[in-house]
């Protein structure tokens, strides 16, 4: 079989905030530019089966709260401004906003409408885990008083450290992490600097903590470059036809030669049918050479001990259009 990396991209609150003129926007609900850039790239490159986006529910609640607070602050400032301007002869009567307008409900409805249009996973802390999460947060705060604690008070709000802690715990307790090979956490905060060690210890997964969408795209392109640039050949290498072709060849091999020693092959496994793709420019006859490298593990015994050897099988094709297979050779002698 072949294997494609599964990636989970998680957004912190500060990477989701939408603004107008530098302030939090409340007339609509939408995630900000970092989310939009990543979402657009995933859809454009048809990576939505391999890359999933996740957002802590706490972050969404924080966004709604920020919008509500910004609205209230703007109303107060508008009333002050209207009062100062009301006596000027060239300014018509200023109509003040309706005091009974329920901005909280308005923002909630807009949020529900918007989120319903998005393919995202919501990370929430289940009620039954509340005590476990609290204990975890307490340990993190008390751990080694001589070191800088993660989620110390920073930023505009006094409760920023607490909220960062909740966002992190939402990720740490998301069971769906088990379905992915890698996590990319996008946040502008530096409070998470040392948290990757805690994450790796629990999940044994790679996590990249990244400050913005541009660096996240660099990471994604690095991981999925082959699939993005060689989609047609890559997809062909995932077909049962090509897998069966490689398997049928290997079934005919009985021995592997390693450092001039021959060992009986007991079994094999296709690890990645499309590890790499190489194109050699056209020769004098205008014929381009196309090669697909597949990764295989060969199982054998050496003096009664079970061993394995990674082998690369390189398959040459007549051309991209026909995908006619010419031959396959290995970087170890198989007979």
Protein backbone atom coordinates (compact mmCIF):
# COMPACT_ATOMS: atom_id res chain seq x y z
CA UNK A 1 0.00 0.00 0.00
CA UNK A 2 1.00 3.62 -0.23
CA UNK A 3 0.82 6.16 2.52
CA UNK A 4 -0.12 9.81 2.52
CA UNK A 5 0.61 12.01 5.50
CA UNK A 6 -2.41 13.06 7.54
CA UNK A 7 -2.14 16.55 8.99
CA UNK A 8 -4.31 18.39 11.51
CA UNK A 9 -4.08 22.20 11.46
CA UNK A 10 -5.24 23.88 14.67
CA UNK A 11 -5.84 27.63 14.94
CA UNK A 12 -5.41 29.69 18.09
CA UNK A 13 -7.82 32.57 18.72
CA UNK A 14 -5.37 35.25 17.61
CA UNK A 15 -5.04 33.58 14.19
CA UNK A 16 -8.81 33.62 13.67
CA UNK A 17 -9.69 37.20 14.59
CA UNK A 18 -11.30 39.28 11.83
CA UNK A 19 -10.83 43.04 11.98
CA UNK A 20 -11.96 46.31 10.40
CA UNK A 21 -9.66 49.34 10.52
CA UNK A 22 -7.45 47.54 13.02
CA UNK A 23 -10.25 46.74 15.49
CA UNK A 24 -12.33 43.60 16.07
CA UNK A 25 -15.17 43.40 13.54
CA UNK A 26 -18.67 42.59 14.85
CA UNK A 27 -21.02 43.34 11.95
CA UNK A 28 -20.24 39.87 10.58
CA UNK A 29 -18.69 36.62 11.79
CA UNK A 30 -15.80 35.18 9.81
CA UNK A 31 -12.40 33.75 10.57
CA UNK A 32 -9.50 36.01 9.66
CA UNK A 33 -6.93 35.95 6.88
CA UNK A 34 -4.71 33.13 8.24
CA UNK A 35 -7.66 30.73 8.21
CA UNK A 36 -8.84 31.90 4.80
CA UNK A 37 -5.38 31.49 3.23
CA UNK A 38 -4.92 27.96 4.57
CA UNK A 39 -8.47 26.89 3.69
CA UNK A 40 -8.14 28.24 0.13
CA UNK A 41 -4.82 26.43 -0.40
CA UNK A 42 -6.20 23.10 0.84
CA UNK A 43 -9.21 23.31 -1.46
CA UNK A 44 -7.22 24.57 -4.45
CA UNK A 45 -4.68 21.73 -4.16
CA UNK A 46 -7.36 19.11 -3.41
CA UNK A 47 -5.78 18.22 -0.07
CA UNK A 48 -8.99 18.21 1.96
CA UNK A 49 -8.84 14.43 2.49
CA UNK A 50 -5.32 14.65 3.91
CA UNK A 51 -5.32 17.98 5.75
CA UNK A 52 -8.07 18.80 8.25
CA UNK A 53 -8.66 22.06 10.09
CA UNK A 54 -9.59 22.13 13.77
CA UNK A 55 -10.66 25.01 16.01
CA UNK A 56 -11.13 24.92 19.79
CA UNK A 57 -14.70 25.79 20.73
CA UNK A 58 -13.22 27.99 23.44
CA UNK A 59 -11.53 30.07 20.73
CA UNK A 60 -14.88 30.58 19.02
CA UNK A 61 -16.46 31.67 22.27
CA UNK A 62 -13.57 34.06 22.83
CA UNK A 63 -14.04 35.55 19.36
CA UNK A 64 -17.73 36.14 20.07
CA UNK A 65 -16.89 37.70 23.43
CA UNK A 66 -14.32 40.02 21.84
CA UNK A 67 -16.87 41.15 19.26
CA UNK A 68 -19.44 41.83 21.95
CA UNK A 69 -16.97 43.85 24.02
CA UNK A 70 -15.79 45.82 21.00
CA UNK A 71 -19.40 46.65 20.11
CA UNK A 72 -20.12 47.91 23.63
CA UNK A 73 -16.94 49.99 23.65
CA UNK A 74 -17.79 51.50 20.27
CA UNK A 75 -21.33 52.38 21.40
CA UNK A 76 -19.94 54.26 24.42
CA UNK A 77 -17.40 56.11 22.28
CA UNK A 78 -20.04 56.88 19.64
CA UNK A 79 -22.37 58.35 22.26
CA UNK A 80 -19.56 60.58 23.55
CA UNK A 81 -18.70 61.70 20.04
CA UNK A 82 -22.35 62.36 19.15
CA UNK A 83 -22.79 64.47 22.26
CA UNK A 84 -19.74 66.61 21.46
CA UNK A 85 -20.80 67.11 17.83
CA UNK A 86 -24.50 67.69 18.45
CA UNK A 87 -24.11 71.45 19.07
CA UNK A 88 -22.34 72.14 15.77
CA UNK A 89 -24.61 74.06 13.31
CA UNK A 90 -23.37 72.26 10.19
CA UNK A 91 -23.94 68.72 11.58
CA UNK A 92 -27.45 67.24 11.22
CA UNK A 93 -29.15 65.44 14.09
CA UNK A 94 -27.28 62.26 14.94
CA UNK A 95 -29.39 59.14 15.47
CA UNK A 96 -28.08 57.03 18.32
CA UNK A 97 -28.17 53.20 18.11
CA UNK A 98 -31.14 51.39 19.65
CA UNK A 99 -30.31 50.57 23.25
CA UNK A 100 -32.48 47.45 23.18
CA UNK A 101 -30.52 45.89 20.27
CA UNK A 102 -29.28 42.43 21.34
CA UNK A 103 -25.78 42.31 19.90
CA UNK A 104 -24.94 39.04 21.69
CA UNK A 105 -27.75 37.18 19.93
CA UNK A 106 -26.87 38.83 16.62
CA UNK A 107 -23.24 37.68 16.86
CA UNK A 108 -24.30 34.19 17.97
CA UNK A 109 -26.58 33.78 14.96
CA UNK A 110 -23.90 35.00 12.56
CA UNK A 111 -21.39 32.58 14.09
CA UNK A 112 -23.74 29.60 13.70
CA UNK A 113 -24.44 30.51 10.07
CA UNK A 114 -20.76 30.89 9.23
CA UNK A 115 -19.44 27.80 10.99
CA UNK A 116 -22.12 25.66 9.32
CA UNK A 117 -20.49 26.44 5.96
CA UNK A 118 -17.03 25.24 7.05
CA UNK A 119 -15.49 21.78 7.11
CA UNK A 120 -13.77 22.01 10.48
CA UNK A 121 -13.34 19.86 13.54
CA UNK A 122 -14.39 21.47 16.80
CA UNK A 123 -12.16 20.79 19.79
CA UNK A 124 -14.07 20.91 23.03
CA UNK A 125 -13.30 19.81 26.55
CA UNK A 126 -15.83 17.20 27.57
CA UNK A 127 -17.58 17.73 30.88
CA UNK A 128 -16.30 14.45 32.28
CA UNK A 129 -12.72 15.64 31.68
CA UNK A 130 -13.13 18.95 33.51
CA UNK A 131 -11.38 17.75 36.69
CA UNK A 132 -8.54 16.14 34.72
CA UNK A 133 -8.02 19.34 32.75
CA UNK A 134 -8.02 21.44 35.91
CA UNK A 135 -5.38 19.20 37.48
CA UNK A 136 -3.28 19.44 34.34
CA UNK A 137 -3.50 23.23 34.33
CA UNK A 138 -2.54 23.42 37.99
CA UNK A 139 0.50 21.19 37.48
CA UNK A 140 1.62 23.28 34.54
CA UNK A 141 1.39 26.49 36.58
CA UNK A 142 3.19 25.05 39.61
CA UNK A 143 5.90 23.21 37.69
CA UNK A 144 9.44 24.44 38.47
CA UNK A 145 9.05 27.91 39.88
CA UNK A 146 12.48 28.88 38.53
CA UNK A 147 11.34 28.57 34.91
CA UNK A 148 9.10 30.80 32.85
CA UNK A 149 5.65 29.24 32.94
CA UNK A 150 3.74 28.71 29.75
CA UNK A 151 0.63 30.86 29.44
CA UNK A 152 1.88 33.65 31.68
CA UNK A 153 -0.17 36.85 31.55
CA UNK A 154 0.49 38.53 28.24
CA UNK A 155 -1.34 40.58 25.68
CA UNK A 156 -4.30 42.92 25.91
CA UNK A 157 -6.48 40.93 28.31
CA UNK A 158 -5.75 40.03 31.93
CA UNK A 159 -7.15 36.53 31.43
CA UNK A 160 -5.10 35.85 28.29
CA UNK A 161 -2.91 33.26 30.01
CA UNK A 162 -5.91 31.32 31.29
CA UNK A 163 -7.54 31.32 27.86
CA UNK A 164 -4.34 30.13 26.19
CA UNK A 165 -4.25 27.31 28.71
CA UNK A 166 -7.80 26.24 27.84
CA UNK A 167 -7.05 26.30 24.09
CA UNK A 168 -4.02 24.09 24.65
CA UNK A 169 -5.93 21.65 26.84
CA UNK A 170 -8.60 21.39 24.10
CA UNK A 171 -5.93 20.12 21.75
CA UNK A 172 -4.26 17.87 24.31
CA UNK A 173 -7.58 16.13 25.03
CA UNK A 174 -8.80 15.81 21.44
CA UNK A 175 -9.07 12.06 20.79
CA UNK A 176 -8.98 12.68 17.05
CA UNK A 177 -5.26 13.48 17.26
CA UNK A 178 -4.71 9.71 17.05
CA UNK A 179 -5.93 9.76 13.43
CA UNK A 180 -3.19 12.14 12.27
CA UNK A 181 0.55 11.89 11.77
CA UNK A 182 1.30 15.54 12.34
CA UNK A 183 -0.23 18.63 13.93
CA UNK A 184 0.40 22.22 12.88
CA UNK A 185 -0.63 24.72 15.56
CA UNK A 186 -0.90 28.29 14.27
CA UNK A 187 -0.59 30.95 16.97
CA UNK A 188 0.94 34.39 17.32
CA UNK A 189 1.58 33.84 21.04
CA UNK A 190 5.02 32.85 22.28
CA UNK A 191 3.51 31.22 25.38
CA UNK A 192 3.38 27.84 23.63
CA UNK A 193 7.14 27.65 22.97
CA UNK A 194 7.86 24.63 25.16
CA UNK A 195 4.47 22.92 24.86
CA UNK A 196 5.53 20.66 21.99
CA UNK A 197 7.44 18.46 24.43
CA UNK A 198 4.28 17.88 26.47
CA UNK A 199 2.33 17.11 23.31
CA UNK A 200 4.91 14.66 21.96
CA UNK A 201 5.11 12.88 25.31
CA UNK A 202 1.37 12.22 25.36
CA UNK A 203 0.61 11.60 21.69
CA UNK A 204 3.97 10.54 20.23
CA UNK A 205 3.16 12.73 17.24
CA UNK A 206 5.09 15.50 15.54
CA UNK A 207 3.77 19.01 16.21
CA UNK A 208 4.92 22.24 14.57
CA UNK A 209 4.02 25.44 16.43
CA UNK A 210 3.98 28.16 13.78
CA UNK A 211 3.40 31.91 14.05
CA UNK A 212 1.57 32.68 10.80
CA UNK A 213 -0.11 31.29 7.73
CA UNK A 214 2.88 31.87 5.43
CA UNK A 215 5.17 29.67 7.48
CA UNK A 216 2.36 27.13 7.74
CA UNK A 217 2.12 27.01 3.94
CA UNK A 218 5.87 26.41 3.73
CA UNK A 219 5.44 23.44 6.07
CA UNK A 220 2.48 22.07 4.10
CA UNK A 221 4.20 22.45 0.74
CA UNK A 222 7.25 20.64 2.08
CA UNK A 223 5.14 17.69 3.22
CA UNK A 224 2.88 17.48 0.16
CA UNK A 225 5.13 18.80 -2.60
CA UNK A 226 5.23 15.51 -4.50
CA UNK A 227 1.46 15.11 -4.48
CA UNK A 228 0.89 18.74 -5.47
CA UNK A 229 3.36 18.81 -8.36
CA UNK A 230 2.92 15.24 -9.67
CA UNK A 231 -0.76 14.59 -9.04
CA UNK A 232 -1.44 12.40 -12.11
CA UNK A 233 1.51 10.04 -11.64
CA UNK A 234 1.09 10.01 -7.87
CA UNK A 235 -2.55 8.97 -8.17
CA UNK A 236 -1.63 6.23 -10.67
CA UNK A 237 0.86 4.83 -8.16
CA UNK A 238 -2.01 4.45 -5.66
CA UNK A 239 -4.07 2.25 -7.99
CA UNK A 240 -4.59 -1.43 -7.33
CA UNK A 241 -3.12 -2.11 -10.77
CA UNK A 242 0.26 -0.65 -9.83
CA UNK A 243 0.23 -2.17 -6.33
CA UNK A 244 -0.54 -5.60 -7.78
CA UNK A 245 2.22 -5.13 -10.35
CA UNK A 246 4.83 -4.49 -7.62
CA UNK A 247 3.49 -7.32 -5.44
CA UNK A 248 3.54 -9.83 -8.31
CA UNK A 249 7.19 -9.01 -9.00
CA UNK A 250 8.15 -9.42 -5.36
CA UNK A 251 6.34 -12.75 -5.04
CA UNK A 252 8.79 -14.12 -7.62
CA UNK A 253 11.81 -13.10 -5.49
CA UNK A 254 13.09 -15.69 -3.01
CA UNK A 255 16.39 -14.22 -1.79
CA UNK A 256 17.94 -10.86 -0.92
CA UNK A 257 21.67 -10.16 -1.17
CA UNK A 258 23.05 -7.95 1.63
CA UNK A 259 26.80 -7.31 1.86
CA UNK A 260 27.52 -10.36 -0.29
CA UNK A 261 25.41 -12.57 1.99
CA UNK A 262 22.24 -14.18 0.67
CA UNK A 263 19.16 -14.48 2.85
CA UNK A 264 15.85 -16.20 2.20
CA UNK A 265 12.94 -13.77 1.87
CA UNK A 266 10.09 -14.71 4.23
CA UNK A 267 7.71 -11.88 3.41
CA UNK A 268 7.47 -8.27 2.20
CA UNK A 269 5.30 -5.19 2.62
CA UNK A 270 4.68 -2.22 0.36
CA UNK A 271 5.30 0.82 2.54
CA UNK A 272 4.92 3.61 0.00
CA UNK A 273 4.20 2.97 -3.66
CA UNK A 274 5.19 6.54 -4.58
CA UNK A 275 8.06 7.68 -2.40
CA UNK A 276 9.51 9.86 -5.13
CA UNK A 277 9.11 10.77 -8.82
CA UNK A 278 12.03 11.60 -11.09
CA UNK A 279 11.93 13.07 -14.56
CA UNK A 280 15.00 13.14 -16.81
CA UNK A 281 14.79 15.79 -19.55
CA UNK A 282 14.17 14.64 -23.13
CA UNK A 283 17.14 13.17 -24.98
CA UNK A 284 18.11 13.80 -28.60
CA UNK A 285 15.05 11.80 -29.64
CA UNK A 286 12.83 14.06 -27.50
CA UNK A 287 12.01 11.18 -25.16
CA UNK A 288 11.62 12.03 -21.49
CA UNK A 289 12.45 9.41 -18.86
CA UNK A 290 9.97 8.99 -16.01
CA UNK A 291 10.72 6.99 -12.85
CA UNK A 292 8.65 6.22 -9.75
CA UNK A 293 10.46 5.11 -6.59
CA UNK A 294 8.52 2.81 -4.25
CA UNK A 295 9.55 1.86 -0.71
CA UNK A 296 9.31 -1.77 0.39
CA UNK A 297 10.33 -3.66 3.50
CA UNK A 298 11.75 -7.17 3.04
CA UNK A 299 11.50 -9.61 5.97
CA UNK A 300 14.13 -12.32 6.34
CA UNK A 301 16.02 -14.34 8.96
CA UNK A 302 19.72 -14.14 9.80
CA UNK A 303 20.96 -16.99 12.00
CA UNK A 304 17.46 -17.53 13.30
CA UNK A 305 16.83 -13.84 14.11
CA UNK A 306 14.05 -11.98 12.36
CA UNK A 307 15.32 -8.99 10.43
CA UNK A 308 14.06 -6.52 7.87
CA UNK A 309 15.54 -4.39 5.13
CA UNK A 310 14.11 -1.31 3.44
CA UNK A 311 14.38 -1.65 -0.33
CA UNK A 312 13.65 0.92 -3.03
CA UNK A 313 12.00 -0.32 -6.21
CA UNK A 314 12.35 2.08 -9.14
CA UNK A 315 9.88 1.67 -11.98
CA UNK A 316 10.42 3.28 -15.37
CA UNK A 317 7.52 4.39 -17.58
CA UNK A 318 7.35 4.90 -21.33
CA UNK A 319 5.60 8.26 -20.88
CA UNK A 320 3.17 10.10 -18.63
CA UNK A 321 0.22 9.84 -20.99
CA UNK A 322 0.18 6.06 -21.49
CA UNK A 323 1.84 5.17 -18.17
CA UNK A 324 3.15 2.03 -19.83
CA UNK A 325 5.55 0.27 -17.46
CA UNK A 326 8.93 -0.58 -18.98
CA UNK A 327 10.85 -2.17 -16.11
CA UNK A 328 11.51 -2.18 -12.35
CA UNK A 329 14.87 -2.48 -10.61
CA UNK A 330 15.90 -2.52 -6.94
CA UNK A 331 18.69 -0.94 -4.92
CA UNK A 332 19.37 -4.40 -3.39
CA UNK A 333 19.82 -7.59 -5.36
CA UNK A 334 16.63 -9.66 -5.22
CA UNK A 335 16.66 -13.06 -6.91
